All heavy atoms as atom14 arrays in JSON, in Angstrom:
{
  "sequence": "PVIARVQGHALGGGCGLVACSDIAVAAPDTKFAFSEVKLGIIPAVIS",
  "atom14_mask": [
    [1, 1, 1, 1, 1, 1, 1, 0, 0, 0, 0, 0, 0, 0],
    [1, 1, 1, 1, 1, 1, 1, 0, 0, 0, 0, 0, 0, 0],
    [1, 1, 1, 1, 1, 1, 1, 1, 0, 0, 0, 0, 0, 0],
    [1, 1, 1, 1, 1, 0, 0, 0, 0, 0, 0, 0, 0, 0],
    [1, 1, 1, 1, 1, 1, 1, 1, 1, 1, 1, 0, 0, 0],
    [1, 1, 1, 1, 1, 1, 1, 0, 0, 0, 0, 0, 0, 0],
    [1, 1, 1, 1, 1, 1, 1, 1, 1, 0, 0, 0, 0, 0],
    [1, 1, 1, 1, 0, 0, 0, 0, 0, 0, 0, 0, 0, 0],
    [1, 1, 1, 1, 1, 1, 1, 1, 1, 1, 0, 0, 0, 0],
    [1, 1, 1, 1, 1, 0, 0, 0, 0, 0, 0, 0, 0, 0],
    [1, 1, 1, 1, 1, 1, 1, 1, 0, 0, 0, 0, 0, 0],
    [1, 1, 1, 1, 0, 0, 0, 0, 0, 0, 0, 0, 0, 0],
    [1, 1, 1, 1, 0, 0, 0, 0, 0, 0, 0, 0, 0, 0],
    [1, 1, 1, 1, 0, 0, 0, 0, 0, 0, 0, 0, 0, 0],
    [1, 1, 1, 1, 1, 1, 0, 0, 0, 0, 0, 0, 0, 0],
    [1, 1, 1, 1, 0, 0, 0, 0, 0, 0, 0, 0, 0, 0],
    [1, 1, 1, 1, 1, 1, 1, 1, 0, 0, 0, 0, 0, 0],
    [1, 1, 1, 1, 1, 1, 1, 0, 0, 0, 0, 0, 0, 0],
    [1, 1, 1, 1, 1, 0, 0, 0, 0, 0, 0, 0, 0, 0],
    [1, 1, 1, 1, 1, 1, 0, 0, 0, 0, 0, 0, 0, 0],
    [1, 1, 1, 1, 1, 1, 0, 0, 0, 0, 0, 0, 0, 0],
    [1, 1, 1, 1, 1, 1, 1, 1, 0, 0, 0, 0, 0, 0],
    [1, 1, 1, 1, 1, 1, 1, 1, 0, 0, 0, 0, 0, 0],
    [1, 1, 1, 1, 1, 0, 0, 0, 0, 0, 0, 0, 0, 0],
    [1, 1, 1, 1, 1, 1, 1, 0, 0, 0, 0, 0, 0, 0],
    [1, 1, 1, 1, 1, 0, 0, 0, 0, 0, 0, 0, 0, 0],
    [1, 1, 1, 1, 1, 0, 0, 0, 0, 0, 0, 0, 0, 0],
    [1, 1, 1, 1, 1, 1, 1, 0, 0, 0, 0, 0, 0, 0],
    [1, 1, 1, 1, 1, 1, 1, 1, 0, 0, 0, 0, 0, 0],
    [1, 1, 1, 1, 1, 1, 1, 0, 0, 0, 0, 0, 0, 0],
    [1, 1, 1, 1, 1, 1, 1, 1, 1, 0, 0, 0, 0, 0],
    [1, 1, 1, 1, 1, 1, 1, 1, 1, 1, 1, 0, 0, 0],
    [1, 1, 1, 1, 1, 0, 0, 0, 0, 0, 0, 0, 0, 0],
    [1, 1, 1, 1, 1, 1, 1, 1, 1, 1, 1, 0, 0, 0],
    [1, 1, 1, 1, 1, 1, 0, 0, 0, 0, 0, 0, 0, 0],
    [1, 1, 1, 1, 1, 1, 1, 1, 1, 0, 0, 0, 0, 0],
    [1, 1, 1, 1, 1, 1, 1, 0, 0, 0, 0, 0, 0, 0],
    [1, 1, 1, 1, 1, 1, 1, 1, 1, 0, 0, 0, 0, 0],
    [1, 1, 1, 1, 1, 1, 1, 1, 0, 0, 0, 0, 0, 0],
    [1, 1, 1, 1, 0, 0, 0, 0, 0, 0, 0, 0, 0, 0],
    [1, 1, 1, 1, 1, 1, 1, 1, 0, 0, 0, 0, 0, 0],
    [1, 1, 1, 1, 1, 1, 1, 1, 0, 0, 0, 0, 0, 0],
    [1, 1, 1, 1, 1, 1, 1, 0, 0, 0, 0, 0, 0, 0],
    [1, 1, 1, 1, 1, 0, 0, 0, 0, 0, 0, 0, 0, 0],
    [1, 1, 1, 1, 1, 1, 1, 0, 0, 0, 0, 0, 0, 0],
    [1, 1, 1, 1, 1, 1, 1, 1, 0, 0, 0, 0, 0, 0],
    [1, 1, 1, 1, 1, 1, 0, 0, 0, 0, 0, 0, 0, 0]
  ],
  "atom14_positions": [
    [[0.86, -1.18, 0.03], [0.02, 0.01, 0.0], [0.85, 1.26, -0.02], [1.88, 1.33, 0.67], [-0.81, -0.11, 1.29], [-0.84, -1.58, 1.62], [0.48, -2.11, 1.14], [0.0, 0.0, 0.0], [0.0, 0.0, 0.0], [0.0, 0.0, 0.0], [0.0, 0.0, 0.0], [0.0, 0.0, 0.0], [0.0, 0.0, 0.0], [0.0, 0.0, 0.0]],
    [[0.44, 2.29, -0.78], [1.2, 3.54, -0.87], [0.31, 4.63, -0.31], [-0.83, 4.86, -0.72], [1.49, 3.86, -2.4], [2.21, 5.2, -2.5], [2.33, 2.73, -2.99], [0.0, 0.0, 0.0], [0.0, 0.0, 0.0], [0.0, 0.0, 0.0], [0.0, 0.0, 0.0], [0.0, 0.0, 0.0], [0.0, 0.0, 0.0], [0.0, 0.0, 0.0]],
    [[0.93, 5.37, 0.65], [0.27, 6.52, 1.24], [0.94, 7.79, 0.69], [2.15, 7.95, 0.8], [0.39, 6.51, 2.76], [-0.24, 5.22, 3.35], [-0.23, 7.76, 3.38], [0.04, 5.06, 4.85], [0.0, 0.0, 0.0], [0.0, 0.0, 0.0], [0.0, 0.0, 0.0], [0.0, 0.0, 0.0], [0.0, 0.0, 0.0], [0.0, 0.0, 0.0]],
    [[0.16, 8.75, 0.16], [0.66, 9.99, -0.31], [0.49, 11.01, 0.79], [-0.65, 11.19, 1.32], [-0.01, 10.43, -1.58], [0.0, 0.0, 0.0], [0.0, 0.0, 0.0], [0.0, 0.0, 0.0], [0.0, 0.0, 0.0], [0.0, 0.0, 0.0], [0.0, 0.0, 0.0], [0.0, 0.0, 0.0], [0.0, 0.0, 0.0], [0.0, 0.0, 0.0]],
    [[1.53, 11.67, 1.16], [1.53, 12.76, 2.17], [1.58, 14.11, 1.39], [2.65, 14.43, 0.87], [2.73, 12.59, 3.13], [2.77, 13.63, 4.23], [4.13, 13.61, 4.9], [4.25, 14.56, 5.98], [4.5, 15.86, 5.84], [4.64, 16.41, 4.59], [4.62, 16.65, 6.89], [0.0, 0.0, 0.0], [0.0, 0.0, 0.0], [0.0, 0.0, 0.0]],
    [[0.5, 14.78, 1.3], [0.37, 15.9, 0.36], [0.25, 17.26, 1.02], [-0.62, 17.4, 1.91], [-0.86, 15.64, -0.57], [-0.91, 16.65, -1.73], [-0.82, 14.23, -1.15], [0.0, 0.0, 0.0], [0.0, 0.0, 0.0], [0.0, 0.0, 0.0], [0.0, 0.0, 0.0], [0.0, 0.0, 0.0], [0.0, 0.0, 0.0], [0.0, 0.0, 0.0]],
    [[1.03, 18.2, 0.59], [1.01, 19.57, 1.15], [1.29, 20.56, 0.09], [1.87, 20.23, -0.96], [1.97, 19.69, 2.36], [3.4, 20.04, 1.99], [4.14, 18.89, 1.4], [3.66, 17.76, 1.32], [5.4, 19.14, 1.06], [0.0, 0.0, 0.0], [0.0, 0.0, 0.0], [0.0, 0.0, 0.0], [0.0, 0.0, 0.0], [0.0, 0.0, 0.0]],
    [[0.91, 21.81, 0.3], [1.32, 22.94, -0.61], [0.56, 22.86, -1.9], [-0.53, 23.4, -2.02], [0.0, 0.0, 0.0], [0.0, 0.0, 0.0], [0.0, 0.0, 0.0], [0.0, 0.0, 0.0], [0.0, 0.0, 0.0], [0.0, 0.0, 0.0], [0.0, 0.0, 0.0], [0.0, 0.0, 0.0], [0.0, 0.0, 0.0], [0.0, 0.0, 0.0]],
    [[1.18, 22.24, -2.89], [0.58, 22.16, -4.2], [0.75, 20.75, -4.8], [1.78, 20.12, -4.61], [1.25, 23.14, -5.23], [1.02, 24.53, -4.87], [1.78, 25.27, -3.99], [0.03, 25.42, -5.31], [1.32, 26.51, -3.92], [0.24, 26.58, -4.65], [0.0, 0.0, 0.0], [0.0, 0.0, 0.0], [0.0, 0.0, 0.0], [0.0, 0.0, 0.0]],
    [[-0.3, 20.25, -5.44], [-0.24, 19.05, -6.28], [-0.89, 19.41, -7.6], [-2.11, 19.44, -7.69], [-1.0, 17.89, -5.59], [0.0, 0.0, 0.0], [0.0, 0.0, 0.0], [0.0, 0.0, 0.0], [0.0, 0.0, 0.0], [0.0, 0.0, 0.0], [0.0, 0.0, 0.0], [0.0, 0.0, 0.0], [0.0, 0.0, 0.0], [0.0, 0.0, 0.0]],
    [[-0.07, 19.71, -8.55], [-0.52, 20.23, -9.86], [-0.12, 19.32, -11.0], [0.95, 18.73, -10.94], [0.07, 21.63, -10.12], [-0.08, 22.67, -8.93], [0.64, 23.93, -9.35], [-1.54, 22.91, -8.57], [0.0, 0.0, 0.0], [0.0, 0.0, 0.0], [0.0, 0.0, 0.0], [0.0, 0.0, 0.0], [0.0, 0.0, 0.0], [0.0, 0.0, 0.0]],
    [[-0.98, 19.15, -11.96], [-0.69, 18.4, -13.16], [-0.25, 16.97, -12.79], [-1.0, 16.22, -12.17], [0.0, 0.0, 0.0], [0.0, 0.0, 0.0], [0.0, 0.0, 0.0], [0.0, 0.0, 0.0], [0.0, 0.0, 0.0], [0.0, 0.0, 0.0], [0.0, 0.0, 0.0], [0.0, 0.0, 0.0], [0.0, 0.0, 0.0], [0.0, 0.0, 0.0]],
    [[1.01, 16.63, -13.11], [1.55, 15.34, -12.78], [1.57, 15.06, -11.33], [1.53, 13.91, -10.86], [0.0, 0.0, 0.0], [0.0, 0.0, 0.0], [0.0, 0.0, 0.0], [0.0, 0.0, 0.0], [0.0, 0.0, 0.0], [0.0, 0.0, 0.0], [0.0, 0.0, 0.0], [0.0, 0.0, 0.0], [0.0, 0.0, 0.0], [0.0, 0.0, 0.0]],
    [[1.61, 16.1, -10.48], [1.53, 15.92, -9.03], [0.2, 15.35, -8.63], [0.11, 14.52, -7.7], [0.0, 0.0, 0.0], [0.0, 0.0, 0.0], [0.0, 0.0, 0.0], [0.0, 0.0, 0.0], [0.0, 0.0, 0.0], [0.0, 0.0, 0.0], [0.0, 0.0, 0.0], [0.0, 0.0, 0.0], [0.0, 0.0, 0.0], [0.0, 0.0, 0.0]],
    [[-0.89, 15.75, -9.3], [-2.21, 15.13, -9.08], [-2.16, 13.65, -9.54], [-2.84, 12.79, -8.96], [-3.27, 15.88, -9.87], [-3.96, 17.29, -8.98], [0.0, 0.0, 0.0], [0.0, 0.0, 0.0], [0.0, 0.0, 0.0], [0.0, 0.0, 0.0], [0.0, 0.0, 0.0], [0.0, 0.0, 0.0], [0.0, 0.0, 0.0], [0.0, 0.0, 0.0]],
    [[-1.37, 13.38, -10.6], [-1.23, 12.02, -11.02], [-0.62, 11.15, -9.97], [-1.03, 9.99, -9.71], [0.0, 0.0, 0.0], [0.0, 0.0, 0.0], [0.0, 0.0, 0.0], [0.0, 0.0, 0.0], [0.0, 0.0, 0.0], [0.0, 0.0, 0.0], [0.0, 0.0, 0.0], [0.0, 0.0, 0.0], [0.0, 0.0, 0.0], [0.0, 0.0, 0.0]],
    [[0.4, 11.68, -9.26], [1.01, 10.88, -8.18], [-0.03, 10.62, -7.06], [-0.05, 9.5, -6.5], [2.19, 11.68, -7.58], [3.47, 11.74, -8.43], [4.49, 12.69, -7.74], [4.03, 10.39, -8.74], [0.0, 0.0, 0.0], [0.0, 0.0, 0.0], [0.0, 0.0, 0.0], [0.0, 0.0, 0.0], [0.0, 0.0, 0.0], [0.0, 0.0, 0.0]],
    [[-0.81, 11.62, -6.74], [-1.85, 11.43, -5.7], [-2.82, 10.34, -6.14], [-3.17, 9.46, -5.33], [-2.59, 12.77, -5.43], [-3.71, 12.53, -4.42], [-1.59, 13.8, -4.92], [0.0, 0.0, 0.0], [0.0, 0.0, 0.0], [0.0, 0.0, 0.0], [0.0, 0.0, 0.0], [0.0, 0.0, 0.0], [0.0, 0.0, 0.0], [0.0, 0.0, 0.0]],
    [[-3.24, 10.43, -7.44], [-4.2, 9.43, -7.92], [-3.63, 8.01, -7.96], [-4.41, 7.05, -7.79], [-4.64, 9.82, -9.35], [0.0, 0.0, 0.0], [0.0, 0.0, 0.0], [0.0, 0.0, 0.0], [0.0, 0.0, 0.0], [0.0, 0.0, 0.0], [0.0, 0.0, 0.0], [0.0, 0.0, 0.0], [0.0, 0.0, 0.0], [0.0, 0.0, 0.0]],
    [[-2.36, 7.84, -8.12], [-1.72, 6.54, -8.14], [-1.57, 5.93, -6.75], [-1.38, 4.71, -6.65], [-0.33, 6.58, -8.75], [-0.3, 6.86, -10.54], [0.0, 0.0, 0.0], [0.0, 0.0, 0.0], [0.0, 0.0, 0.0], [0.0, 0.0, 0.0], [0.0, 0.0, 0.0], [0.0, 0.0, 0.0], [0.0, 0.0, 0.0], [0.0, 0.0, 0.0]],
    [[-1.71, 6.72, -5.73], [-1.53, 6.26, -4.36], [-2.83, 5.58, -3.85], [-3.92, 5.91, -4.32], [-1.15, 7.41, -3.46], [0.05, 8.02, -3.9], [0.0, 0.0, 0.0], [0.0, 0.0, 0.0], [0.0, 0.0, 0.0], [0.0, 0.0, 0.0], [0.0, 0.0, 0.0], [0.0, 0.0, 0.0], [0.0, 0.0, 0.0], [0.0, 0.0, 0.0]],
    [[-2.65, 4.62, -2.97], [-3.82, 3.93, -2.45], [-4.54, 4.81, -1.4], [-5.78, 4.8, -1.36], [-3.36, 2.68, -1.75], [-2.7, 1.7, -2.72], [-3.36, 1.23, -3.65], [-1.48, 1.46, -2.57], [0.0, 0.0, 0.0], [0.0, 0.0, 0.0], [0.0, 0.0, 0.0], [0.0, 0.0, 0.0], [0.0, 0.0, 0.0], [0.0, 0.0, 0.0]],
    [[-3.8, 5.56, -0.63], [-4.4, 6.44, 0.36], [-3.69, 7.79, 0.26], [-2.46, 7.84, 0.19], [-4.2, 5.88, 1.77], [-4.71, 4.43, 1.9], [-4.94, 6.73, 2.83], [-4.33, 3.74, 3.17], [0.0, 0.0, 0.0], [0.0, 0.0, 0.0], [0.0, 0.0, 0.0], [0.0, 0.0, 0.0], [0.0, 0.0, 0.0], [0.0, 0.0, 0.0]],
    [[-4.48, 8.89, 0.23], [-3.88, 10.23, 0.13], [-4.39, 11.06, 1.3], [-5.61, 11.19, 1.48], [-4.23, 10.85, -1.19], [0.0, 0.0, 0.0], [0.0, 0.0, 0.0], [0.0, 0.0, 0.0], [0.0, 0.0, 0.0], [0.0, 0.0, 0.0], [0.0, 0.0, 0.0], [0.0, 0.0, 0.0], [0.0, 0.0, 0.0], [0.0, 0.0, 0.0]],
    [[-3.42, 11.62, 2.06], [-3.75, 12.54, 3.14], [-3.18, 13.9, 2.8], [-2.01, 14.03, 2.45], [-3.12, 12.06, 4.51], [-3.54, 12.95, 5.63], [-3.55, 10.61, 4.76], [0.0, 0.0, 0.0], [0.0, 0.0, 0.0], [0.0, 0.0, 0.0], [0.0, 0.0, 0.0], [0.0, 0.0, 0.0], [0.0, 0.0, 0.0], [0.0, 0.0, 0.0]],
    [[-4.01, 14.91, 2.89], [-3.57, 16.25, 2.5], [-3.79, 17.32, 3.6], [-4.72, 17.19, 4.35], [-4.34, 16.71, 1.23], [0.0, 0.0, 0.0], [0.0, 0.0, 0.0], [0.0, 0.0, 0.0], [0.0, 0.0, 0.0], [0.0, 0.0, 0.0], [0.0, 0.0, 0.0], [0.0, 0.0, 0.0], [0.0, 0.0, 0.0], [0.0, 0.0, 0.0]],
    [[-2.87, 18.26, 3.58], [-3.06, 19.4, 4.46], [-4.25, 20.25, 3.97], [-4.52, 20.3, 2.76], [-1.81, 20.29, 4.48], [0.0, 0.0, 0.0], [0.0, 0.0, 0.0], [0.0, 0.0, 0.0], [0.0, 0.0, 0.0], [0.0, 0.0, 0.0], [0.0, 0.0, 0.0], [0.0, 0.0, 0.0], [0.0, 0.0, 0.0], [0.0, 0.0, 0.0]],
    [[-5.02, 20.84, 4.87], [-6.28, 21.56, 4.48], [-6.02, 22.73, 3.52], [-6.98, 23.08, 2.79], [-6.83, 22.04, 5.79], [-6.23, 21.12, 6.85], [-4.89, 20.81, 6.35], [0.0, 0.0, 0.0], [0.0, 0.0, 0.0], [0.0, 0.0, 0.0], [0.0, 0.0, 0.0], [0.0, 0.0, 0.0], [0.0, 0.0, 0.0], [0.0, 0.0, 0.0]],
    [[-4.84, 23.3, 3.49], [-4.61, 24.4, 2.59], [-3.96, 24.04, 1.27], [-3.45, 24.91, 0.52], [-3.81, 25.47, 3.28], [-2.41, 24.97, 3.75], [-2.16, 23.75, 3.64], [-1.58, 25.79, 4.21], [0.0, 0.0, 0.0], [0.0, 0.0, 0.0], [0.0, 0.0, 0.0], [0.0, 0.0, 0.0], [0.0, 0.0, 0.0], [0.0, 0.0, 0.0]],
    [[-3.88, 22.74, 1.0], [-3.26, 22.26, -0.27], [-4.1, 22.73, -1.47], [-5.3, 22.71, -1.44], [-3.15, 20.77, -0.26], [-2.48, 20.33, 0.89], [-2.35, 20.27, -1.49], [0.0, 0.0, 0.0], [0.0, 0.0, 0.0], [0.0, 0.0, 0.0], [0.0, 0.0, 0.0], [0.0, 0.0, 0.0], [0.0, 0.0, 0.0], [0.0, 0.0, 0.0]],
    [[-3.45, 23.08, -2.54], [-4.11, 23.42, -3.8], [-3.81, 22.35, -4.87], [-2.66, 21.91, -5.01], [-3.62, 24.79, -4.3], [-3.88, 25.96, -3.34], [-5.38, 26.1, -3.06], [-5.6, 27.26, -2.1], [-7.05, 27.37, -1.7], [0.0, 0.0, 0.0], [0.0, 0.0, 0.0], [0.0, 0.0, 0.0], [0.0, 0.0, 0.0], [0.0, 0.0, 0.0]],
    [[-4.83, 22.02, -5.62], [-4.74, 20.97, -6.64], [-5.18, 21.55, -7.97], [-5.91, 22.56, -8.06], [-5.66, 19.84, -6.33], [-5.37, 19.19, -4.99], [-5.88, 19.65, -3.79], [-4.64, 17.96, -4.94], [-5.6, 19.02, -2.56], [-4.35, 17.36, -3.74], [-4.8, 17.91, -2.56], [0.0, 0.0, 0.0], [0.0, 0.0, 0.0], [0.0, 0.0, 0.0]],
    [[-4.69, 20.95, -9.11], [-5.2, 21.32, -10.43], [-4.7, 20.26, -11.43], [-3.52, 19.8, -11.38], [-4.64, 22.68, -10.86], [0.0, 0.0, 0.0], [0.0, 0.0, 0.0], [0.0, 0.0, 0.0], [0.0, 0.0, 0.0], [0.0, 0.0, 0.0], [0.0, 0.0, 0.0], [0.0, 0.0, 0.0], [0.0, 0.0, 0.0], [0.0, 0.0, 0.0]],
    [[-5.6, 19.94, -12.33], [-5.21, 19.22, -13.58], [-5.01, 20.3, -14.59], [-5.85, 20.61, -15.45], [-6.33, 18.22, -13.99], [-6.57, 17.14, -13.01], [-7.58, 17.23, -12.06], [-5.76, 16.0, -13.01], [-7.78, 16.19, -11.19], [-5.95, 14.97, -12.11], [-6.95, 15.07, -11.16], [0.0, 0.0, 0.0], [0.0, 0.0, 0.0], [0.0, 0.0, 0.0]],
    [[-3.83, 20.92, -14.5], [-3.61, 22.23, -15.13], [-3.11, 22.15, -16.58], [-2.74, 23.18, -17.19], [-2.59, 22.98, -14.29], [-1.44, 22.19, -14.01], [0.0, 0.0, 0.0], [0.0, 0.0, 0.0], [0.0, 0.0, 0.0], [0.0, 0.0, 0.0], [0.0, 0.0, 0.0], [0.0, 0.0, 0.0], [0.0, 0.0, 0.0], [0.0, 0.0, 0.0]],
    [[-3.0, 20.97, -17.19], [-2.37, 20.81, -18.51], [-2.98, 21.68, -19.57], [-2.28, 22.23, -20.43], [-2.43, 19.35, -18.9], [-1.44, 18.45, -18.14], [-1.94, 17.98, -16.81], [-3.03, 18.43, -16.39], [-1.22, 17.15, -16.21], [0.0, 0.0, 0.0], [0.0, 0.0, 0.0], [0.0, 0.0, 0.0], [0.0, 0.0, 0.0], [0.0, 0.0, 0.0]],
    [[-4.33, 21.82, -19.56], [-4.96, 22.61, -20.64], [-4.5, 24.09, -20.6], [-4.59, 24.75, -21.63], [-6.54, 22.55, -20.56], [-6.99, 21.16, -20.91], [-7.06, 23.0, -19.2], [0.0, 0.0, 0.0], [0.0, 0.0, 0.0], [0.0, 0.0, 0.0], [0.0, 0.0, 0.0], [0.0, 0.0, 0.0], [0.0, 0.0, 0.0], [0.0, 0.0, 0.0]],
    [[-4.07, 24.57, -19.45], [-3.54, 25.95, -19.39], [-2.28, 26.08, -20.26], [-1.92, 27.22, -20.57], [-3.24, 26.35, -17.94], [-4.45, 26.22, -16.97], [-5.55, 27.17, -17.33], [-6.59, 27.23, -16.22], [-7.76, 28.06, -16.54], [0.0, 0.0, 0.0], [0.0, 0.0, 0.0], [0.0, 0.0, 0.0], [0.0, 0.0, 0.0], [0.0, 0.0, 0.0]],
    [[-1.61, 24.99, -20.55], [-0.44, 24.98, -21.41], [-0.73, 24.53, -22.83], [0.17, 24.33, -23.63], [0.64, 24.06, -20.79], [1.07, 24.36, -19.36], [2.04, 23.32, -18.85], [1.61, 25.74, -19.2], [0.0, 0.0, 0.0], [0.0, 0.0, 0.0], [0.0, 0.0, 0.0], [0.0, 0.0, 0.0], [0.0, 0.0, 0.0], [0.0, 0.0, 0.0]],
    [[-2.02, 24.36, -23.13], [-2.37, 23.91, -24.47], [-2.19, 22.42, -24.68], [-2.21, 21.95, -25.82], [0.0, 0.0, 0.0], [0.0, 0.0, 0.0], [0.0, 0.0, 0.0], [0.0, 0.0, 0.0], [0.0, 0.0, 0.0], [0.0, 0.0, 0.0], [0.0, 0.0, 0.0], [0.0, 0.0, 0.0], [0.0, 0.0, 0.0], [0.0, 0.0, 0.0]],
    [[-2.06, 21.62, -23.62], [-1.91, 20.19, -23.7], [-3.01, 19.55, -22.86], [-3.94, 20.21, -22.46], [-0.5, 19.72, -23.28], [-0.19, 20.18, -21.88], [0.53, 20.25, -24.28], [1.2, 19.68, -21.37], [0.0, 0.0, 0.0], [0.0, 0.0, 0.0], [0.0, 0.0, 0.0], [0.0, 0.0, 0.0], [0.0, 0.0, 0.0], [0.0, 0.0, 0.0]],
    [[-2.97, 18.23, -22.68], [-3.99, 17.52, -21.95], [-3.36, 16.6, -20.93], [-2.23, 16.15, -21.14], [-4.92, 16.76, -22.91], [-4.1, 15.8, -23.76], [-5.76, 17.73, -23.72], [-4.98, 14.89, -24.67], [0.0, 0.0, 0.0], [0.0, 0.0, 0.0], [0.0, 0.0, 0.0], [0.0, 0.0, 0.0], [0.0, 0.0, 0.0], [0.0, 0.0, 0.0]],
    [[-4.1, 16.19, -19.88], [-3.56, 15.25, -18.85], [-3.67, 13.8, -19.3], [-4.26, 13.0, -18.56], [-4.44, 15.57, -17.64], [-5.72, 15.95, -18.22], [-5.46, 16.75, -19.44], [0.0, 0.0, 0.0], [0.0, 0.0, 0.0], [0.0, 0.0, 0.0], [0.0, 0.0, 0.0], [0.0, 0.0, 0.0], [0.0, 0.0, 0.0], [0.0, 0.0, 0.0]],
    [[-3.19, 13.48, -20.46], [-3.41, 12.21, -21.11], [-2.78, 11.05, -20.29], [-3.43, 10.07, -19.98], [-2.85, 12.21, -22.52], [0.0, 0.0, 0.0], [0.0, 0.0, 0.0], [0.0, 0.0, 0.0], [0.0, 0.0, 0.0], [0.0, 0.0, 0.0], [0.0, 0.0, 0.0], [0.0, 0.0, 0.0], [0.0, 0.0, 0.0], [0.0, 0.0, 0.0]],
    [[-1.52, 11.19, -19.92], [-0.77, 10.09, -19.29], [-1.33, 9.8, -17.9], [-1.42, 8.65, -17.49], [0.71, 10.33, -19.29], [1.45, 9.21, -18.59], [1.26, 10.57, -20.67], [0.0, 0.0, 0.0], [0.0, 0.0, 0.0], [0.0, 0.0, 0.0], [0.0, 0.0, 0.0], [0.0, 0.0, 0.0], [0.0, 0.0, 0.0], [0.0, 0.0, 0.0]],
    [[-1.72, 10.81, -17.16], [-2.25, 10.59, -15.83], [-3.75, 10.24, -15.85], [-4.28, 9.84, -14.8], [-1.98, 11.84, -14.93], [-2.87, 13.02, -15.35], [-0.55, 12.17, -14.88], [-2.79, 14.19, -14.35], [0.0, 0.0, 0.0], [0.0, 0.0, 0.0], [0.0, 0.0, 0.0], [0.0, 0.0, 0.0], [0.0, 0.0, 0.0], [0.0, 0.0, 0.0]],
    [[-4.38, 10.34, -16.97], [-5.88, 10.22, -17.02], [-6.37, 8.87, -16.52], [-7.41, 8.82, -15.79], [-6.39, 10.55, -18.41], [-5.93, 9.66, -19.38], [0.0, 0.0, 0.0], [0.0, 0.0, 0.0], [0.0, 0.0, 0.0], [0.0, 0.0, 0.0], [0.0, 0.0, 0.0], [0.0, 0.0, 0.0], [0.0, 0.0, 0.0], [0.0, 0.0, 0.0]]
  ]
}
């Protein structure tokens, strides 16, 4: 089992790491985004 300990930012591929983990625990002020479209691309590999 993989536990993700998440704080600060989990953006793009960082969200992918969280999604791959079995259990994810985050600090309440963490910010997330599947931000690839902002760069004109898509979150294909993490999808």
